[in-house]
Amino acid sequence: MWDSLLYTILERWYVVLFLIAYLSIASLHWGGSRTLKFLIIGYLIALASEASSIRTGFPYGMYYYHYDQMAGEPFLLGVPVWDSLSYVFLTFSGFMVALFLRARWDRLTPVTQLQRSWKTILLGAILTMVLDIVIDPVAHLGEQWFLGDIYH
């Protein structure tokens, strides 16, 4: 287990950097408890959706991991552990950009009220989707850069 964790830290160093950035920024904004809750709940939702998709095609369509290209990395329910973490970072990024934009557009409303607003949540979801639409095609070309050929 420790070998695969060390391997992932060395091979997927960018995930570690995103995790550190998320923990730092979210803790400053939300506090430690909410940051950990968001991380755990977000990870579990992402893991469940990824595990479902590689088995049934729902909700992301049918795709397959190239397990031989990720030898030494830890998997949970057939999904690389680091993969589901990216959903947390992506969602947090979309939400924070939405909160930033809403705070710029509506300067009179307190940030605490804006972050609970359905408009902020909807805008965050849309921005997260846009990020994913940009990132997925690039990730699919992983064999051309450090990500590697990990799925089809």
C-alpha atoms as a PDB file:
ATOM      1  CA  MET A   1       0.000   0.000   0.000  1.00  0.00           C
ATOM      2  CA  TRP A   2       2.736   2.481   0.945  1.00  0.00           C
ATOM      3  CA  ASP A   3       4.609   1.629  -2.252  1.00  0.00           C
ATOM      4  CA  SER A   4       1.608   2.449  -4.426  1.00  0.00           C
ATOM      5  CA  LEU A   5       0.967   5.665  -2.486  1.00  0.00           C
ATOM      6  CA  LEU A   6       4.584   6.766  -2.912  1.00  0.00           C
ATOM      7  CA  TYR A   7       4.464   5.811  -6.588  1.00  0.00           C
ATOM      8  CA  THR A   8       1.331   7.908  -7.079  1.00  0.00           C
ATOM      9  CA  ILE A   9       2.850  10.882  -5.262  1.00  0.00           C
ATOM     10  CA  LEU A  10       5.883  10.737  -7.535  1.00  0.00           C
ATOM     11  CA  GLU A  11       4.026   9.963 -10.780  1.00  0.00           C
ATOM     12  CA  ARG A  12       0.964  12.140 -10.145  1.00  0.00           C
ATOM     13  CA  TRP A  13       2.777  15.032  -8.452  1.00  0.00           C
ATOM     14  CA  TYR A  14       0.335  17.506  -9.990  1.00  0.00           C
ATOM     15  CA  VAL A  15      -2.539  15.893  -8.074  1.00  0.00           C
ATOM     16  CA  VAL A  16      -0.579  16.365  -4.846  1.00  0.00           C
ATOM     17  CA  LEU A  17      -0.024  20.036  -5.739  1.00  0.00           C
ATOM     18  CA  PHE A  18      -3.730  20.517  -6.486  1.00  0.00           C
ATOM     19  CA  LEU A  19      -4.615  18.794  -3.203  1.00  0.00           C
ATOM     20  CA  ILE A  20      -2.288  21.073  -1.239  1.00  0.00           C
ATOM     21  CA  ALA A  21      -3.669  24.129  -3.049  1.00  0.00           C
ATOM     22  CA  TYR A  22      -7.266  23.017  -2.406  1.00  0.00           C
ATOM     23  CA  LEU A  23      -6.638  22.315   1.287  1.00  0.00           C
ATOM     24  CA  SER A  24      -4.884  25.656   1.722  1.00  0.00           C
ATOM     25  CA  ILE A  25      -7.373  27.852  -0.117  1.00  0.00           C
ATOM     26  CA  ALA A  26     -10.530  26.077   1.040  1.00  0.00           C
ATOM     27  CA  SER A  27      -9.358  26.057   4.668  1.00  0.00           C
ATOM     28  CA  LEU A  28      -8.807  29.802   4.547  1.00  0.00           C
ATOM     29  CA  HIS A  29     -12.218  30.347   2.989  1.00  0.00           C
ATOM     30  CA  TRP A  30     -14.348  27.712   4.744  1.00  0.00           C
ATOM     31  CA  GLY A  31     -12.330  26.461   7.683  1.00  0.00           C
ATOM     32  CA  GLY A  32     -10.900  22.991   8.174  1.00  0.00           C
ATOM     33  CA  SER A  33     -14.095  21.103   8.970  1.00  0.00           C
ATOM     34  CA  ARG A  34     -16.062  22.182   5.901  1.00  0.00           C
ATOM     35  CA  THR A  35     -12.980  21.719   3.710  1.00  0.00           C
ATOM     36  CA  LEU A  36     -12.638  18.089   4.823  1.00  0.00           C
ATOM     37  CA  LYS A  37     -16.371  17.439   4.478  1.00  0.00           C
ATOM     38  CA  PHE A  38     -16.338  18.806   0.920  1.00  0.00           C
ATOM     39  CA  LEU A  39     -13.266  16.706   0.122  1.00  0.00           C
ATOM     40  CA  ILE A  40     -14.731  13.476   1.491  1.00  0.00           C
ATOM     41  CA  ILE A  41     -18.268  13.885   0.130  1.00  0.00           C
ATOM     42  CA  GLY A  42     -17.003  15.140  -3.233  1.00  0.00           C
ATOM     43  CA  TYR A  43     -14.544  12.263  -3.476  1.00  0.00           C
ATOM     44  CA  LEU A  44     -17.197   9.657  -2.674  1.00  0.00           C
ATOM     45  CA  ILE A  45     -19.640  11.089  -5.228  1.00  0.00           C
ATOM     46  CA  ALA A  46     -16.896  11.191  -7.863  1.00  0.00           C
ATOM     47  CA  LEU A  47     -15.757   7.658  -7.041  1.00  0.00           C
ATOM     48  CA  ALA A  48     -19.309   6.311  -7.242  1.00  0.00           C
ATOM     49  CA  SER A  49     -19.964   8.027 -10.577  1.00  0.00           C
ATOM     50  CA  GLU A  50     -16.642   6.892 -12.066  1.00  0.00           C
ATOM     51  CA  ALA A  51     -17.121   3.323 -10.833  1.00  0.00           C
ATOM     52  CA  SER A  52     -20.630   3.284 -12.291  1.00  0.00           C
ATOM     53  CA  SER A  53     -19.495   4.723 -15.610  1.00  0.00           C
ATOM     54  CA  ILE A  54     -16.741   2.144 -16.226  1.00  0.00           C
ATOM     55  CA  ARG A  55     -19.262  -0.627 -15.527  1.00  0.00           C
ATOM     56  CA  THR A  56     -22.516   0.654 -17.046  1.00  0.00           C
ATOM     57  CA  GLY A  57     -21.687   3.778 -19.040  1.00  0.00           C
ATOM     58  CA  PHE A  58     -23.757   5.953 -16.700  1.00  0.00           C
ATOM     59  CA  PRO A  59     -23.310   8.904 -16.176  1.00  0.00           C
ATOM     60  CA  TYR A  60     -20.236   9.731 -18.345  1.00  0.00           C
ATOM     61  CA  GLY A  61     -20.502   7.131 -21.058  1.00  0.00           C
ATOM     62  CA  MET A  62     -18.636   3.866 -21.352  1.00  0.00           C
ATOM     63  CA  TYR A  63     -14.877   4.093 -21.110  1.00  0.00           C
ATOM     64  CA  TYR A  64     -12.074   1.850 -19.943  1.00  0.00           C
ATOM     65  CA  TYR A  65      -8.934   2.457 -17.950  1.00  0.00           C
ATOM     66  CA  HIS A  66      -5.654   1.076 -19.213  1.00  0.00           C
ATOM     67  CA  TYR A  67      -4.637  -0.582 -15.973  1.00  0.00           C
ATOM     68  CA  ASP A  68      -1.378  -1.838 -17.480  1.00  0.00           C
ATOM     69  CA  GLN A  69      -0.355   1.820 -18.015  1.00  0.00           C
ATOM     70  CA  MET A  70      -0.939   2.576 -14.323  1.00  0.00           C
ATOM     71  CA  ALA A  71       0.841  -0.348 -12.716  1.00  0.00           C
ATOM     72  CA  GLY A  72       1.815   0.453  -9.161  1.00  0.00           C
ATOM     73  CA  GLU A  73      -0.961   2.979  -8.570  1.00  0.00           C
ATOM     74  CA  PRO A  74      -3.760   2.433  -6.030  1.00  0.00           C
ATOM     75  CA  PHE A  75      -7.287   1.748  -7.275  1.00  0.00           C
ATOM     76  CA  LEU A  76     -10.599   1.802  -5.477  1.00  0.00           C
ATOM     77  CA  LEU A  77     -13.571   0.079  -7.165  1.00  0.00           C
ATOM     78  CA  GLY A  78     -11.524  -0.052 -10.368  1.00  0.00           C
ATOM     79  CA  VAL A  79     -10.904   3.719 -10.400  1.00  0.00           C
ATOM     80  CA  PRO A  80      -7.478   5.291  -9.842  1.00  0.00           C
ATOM     81  CA  VAL A  81      -7.545   6.942  -6.411  1.00  0.00           C
ATOM     82  CA  TRP A  82      -6.119  10.204  -7.729  1.00  0.00           C
ATOM     83  CA  ASP A  83      -8.721  10.457 -10.498  1.00  0.00           C
ATOM     84  CA  SER A  84     -11.687  11.055  -8.215  1.00  0.00           C
ATOM     85  CA  LEU A  85      -9.779  13.749  -6.339  1.00  0.00           C
ATOM     86  CA  SER A  86      -9.731  15.847  -9.492  1.00  0.00           C
ATOM     87  CA  TYR A  87     -13.525  16.216  -9.299  1.00  0.00           C
ATOM     88  CA  VAL A  88     -13.199  17.889  -5.920  1.00  0.00           C
ATOM     89  CA  PHE A  89     -10.637  20.374  -7.233  1.00  0.00           C
ATOM     90  CA  LEU A  90     -12.636  21.045 -10.385  1.00  0.00           C
ATOM     91  CA  THR A  91     -15.887  21.605  -8.493  1.00  0.00           C
ATOM     92  CA  PHE A  92     -14.214  23.833  -5.928  1.00  0.00           C
ATOM     93  CA  SER A  93     -12.609  25.887  -8.697  1.00  0.00           C
ATOM     94  CA  GLY A  94     -15.904  26.336 -10.520  1.00  0.00           C
ATOM     95  CA  PHE A  95     -17.644  27.338  -7.304  1.00  0.00           C
ATOM     96  CA  MET A  96     -14.955  29.834  -6.310  1.00  0.00           C
ATOM     97  CA  VAL A  97     -14.939  31.494  -9.725  1.00  0.00           C
ATOM     98  CA  ALA A  98     -18.747  31.720  -9.553  1.00  0.00           C
ATOM     99  CA  LEU A  99     -18.520  33.239  -6.079  1.00  0.00           C
ATOM    100  CA  PHE A 100     -15.903  35.723  -7.280  1.00  0.00           C
ATOM    101  CA  LEU A 101     -18.045  36.761 -10.253  1.00  0.00           C
ATOM    102  CA  ARG A 102     -21.213  37.044  -8.186  1.00  0.00           C
ATOM    103  CA  ALA A 103     -19.380  39.157  -5.592  1.00  0.00           C
ATOM    104  CA  ARG A 104     -18.159  41.458  -8.390  1.00  0.00           C
ATOM    105  CA  TRP A 105     -21.660  41.741  -9.903  1.00  0.00           C
ATOM    106  CA  ASP A 106     -23.551  42.086  -6.622  1.00  0.00           C
ATOM    107  CA  ARG A 107     -21.282  44.099  -4.338  1.00  0.00           C
ATOM    108  CA  LEU A 108     -24.008  44.870  -1.790  1.00  0.00           C
ATOM    109  CA  THR A 109     -24.789  41.249  -0.882  1.00  0.00           C
ATOM    110  CA  PRO A 110     -22.551  39.661   1.781  1.00  0.00           C
ATOM    111  CA  VAL A 111     -20.304  36.855   0.519  1.00  0.00           C
ATOM    112  CA  THR A 112     -21.778  34.440   3.079  1.00  0.00           C
ATOM    113  CA  GLN A 113     -25.194  35.001   1.511  1.00  0.00           C
ATOM    114  CA  LEU A 114     -23.833  34.738  -2.045  1.00  0.00           C
ATOM    115  CA  GLN A 115     -22.166  31.391  -1.415  1.00  0.00           C
ATOM    116  CA  ARG A 116     -25.493  29.884  -0.344  1.00  0.00           C
ATOM    117  CA  SER A 117     -27.375  31.375  -3.277  1.00  0.00           C
ATOM    118  CA  TRP A 118     -28.841  29.025  -5.900  1.00  0.00           C
ATOM    119  CA  LYS A 119     -27.532  31.454  -8.556  1.00  0.00           C
ATOM    120  CA  THR A 120     -23.964  30.990  -7.333  1.00  0.00           C
ATOM    121  CA  ILE A 121     -24.377  27.231  -7.128  1.00  0.00           C
ATOM    122  CA  LEU A 122     -25.873  27.059 -10.630  1.00  0.00           C
ATOM    123  CA  LEU A 123     -23.162  29.316 -12.067  1.00  0.00           C
ATOM    124  CA  GLY A 124     -20.528  27.201 -10.284  1.00  0.00           C
ATOM    125  CA  ALA A 125     -21.988  24.037 -11.808  1.00  0.00           C
ATOM    126  CA  ILE A 126     -21.970  25.585 -15.282  1.00  0.00           C
ATOM    127  CA  LEU A 127     -18.387  26.807 -14.896  1.00  0.00           C
ATOM    128  CA  THR A 128     -17.329  23.363 -13.628  1.00  0.00           C
ATOM    129  CA  MET A 129     -18.939  21.768 -16.671  1.00  0.00           C
ATOM    130  CA  VAL A 130     -17.126  24.206 -18.982  1.00  0.00           C
ATOM    131  CA  LEU A 131     -13.819  23.375 -17.273  1.00  0.00           C
ATOM    132  CA  ASP A 132     -14.507  19.678 -17.739  1.00  0.00           C
ATOM    133  CA  ILE A 133     -15.375  20.164 -21.414  1.00  0.00           C
ATOM    134  CA  VAL A 134     -11.972  21.811 -21.887  1.00  0.00           C
ATOM    135  CA  ILE A 135      -9.982  19.402 -19.718  1.00  0.00           C
ATOM    136  CA  ASP A 136     -11.387  16.039 -20.923  1.00  0.00           C
ATOM    137  CA  PRO A 137     -10.165  16.249 -24.537  1.00  0.00           C
ATOM    138  CA  VAL A 138      -6.736  17.325 -23.298  1.00  0.00           C
ATOM    139  CA  ALA A 139      -6.647  14.459 -20.781  1.00  0.00           C
ATOM    140  CA  HIS A 140      -7.574  12.038 -23.549  1.00  0.00           C
ATOM    141  CA  LEU A 141      -4.329  13.043 -25.307  1.00  0.00           C
ATOM    142  CA  GLY A 142      -2.384  12.064 -22.188  1.00  0.00           C
ATOM    143  CA  GLU A 143      -0.008   9.778 -24.088  1.00  0.00           C
ATOM    144  CA  GLN A 144       1.458  12.946 -25.631  1.00  0.00           C
ATOM    145  CA  TRP A 145       2.412  14.392 -22.248  1.00  0.00           C
ATOM    146  CA  PHE A 146       3.030  13.301 -18.642  1.00  0.00           C
ATOM    147  CA  LEU A 147      -0.497  12.013 -17.886  1.00  0.00           C
ATOM    148  CA  GLY A 148       0.051   8.957 -20.059  1.00  0.00           C
ATOM    149  CA  ASP A 149      -2.332   6.764 -22.021  1.00  0.00           C
ATOM    150  CA  ILE A 150      -4.675   5.919 -19.157  1.00  0.00           C
ATOM    151  CA  TYR A 151      -8.096   5.402 -20.743  1.00  0.00           C
ATOM    152  CA  HIS A 152     -10.130   4.996 -23.926  1.00  0.00           C
END
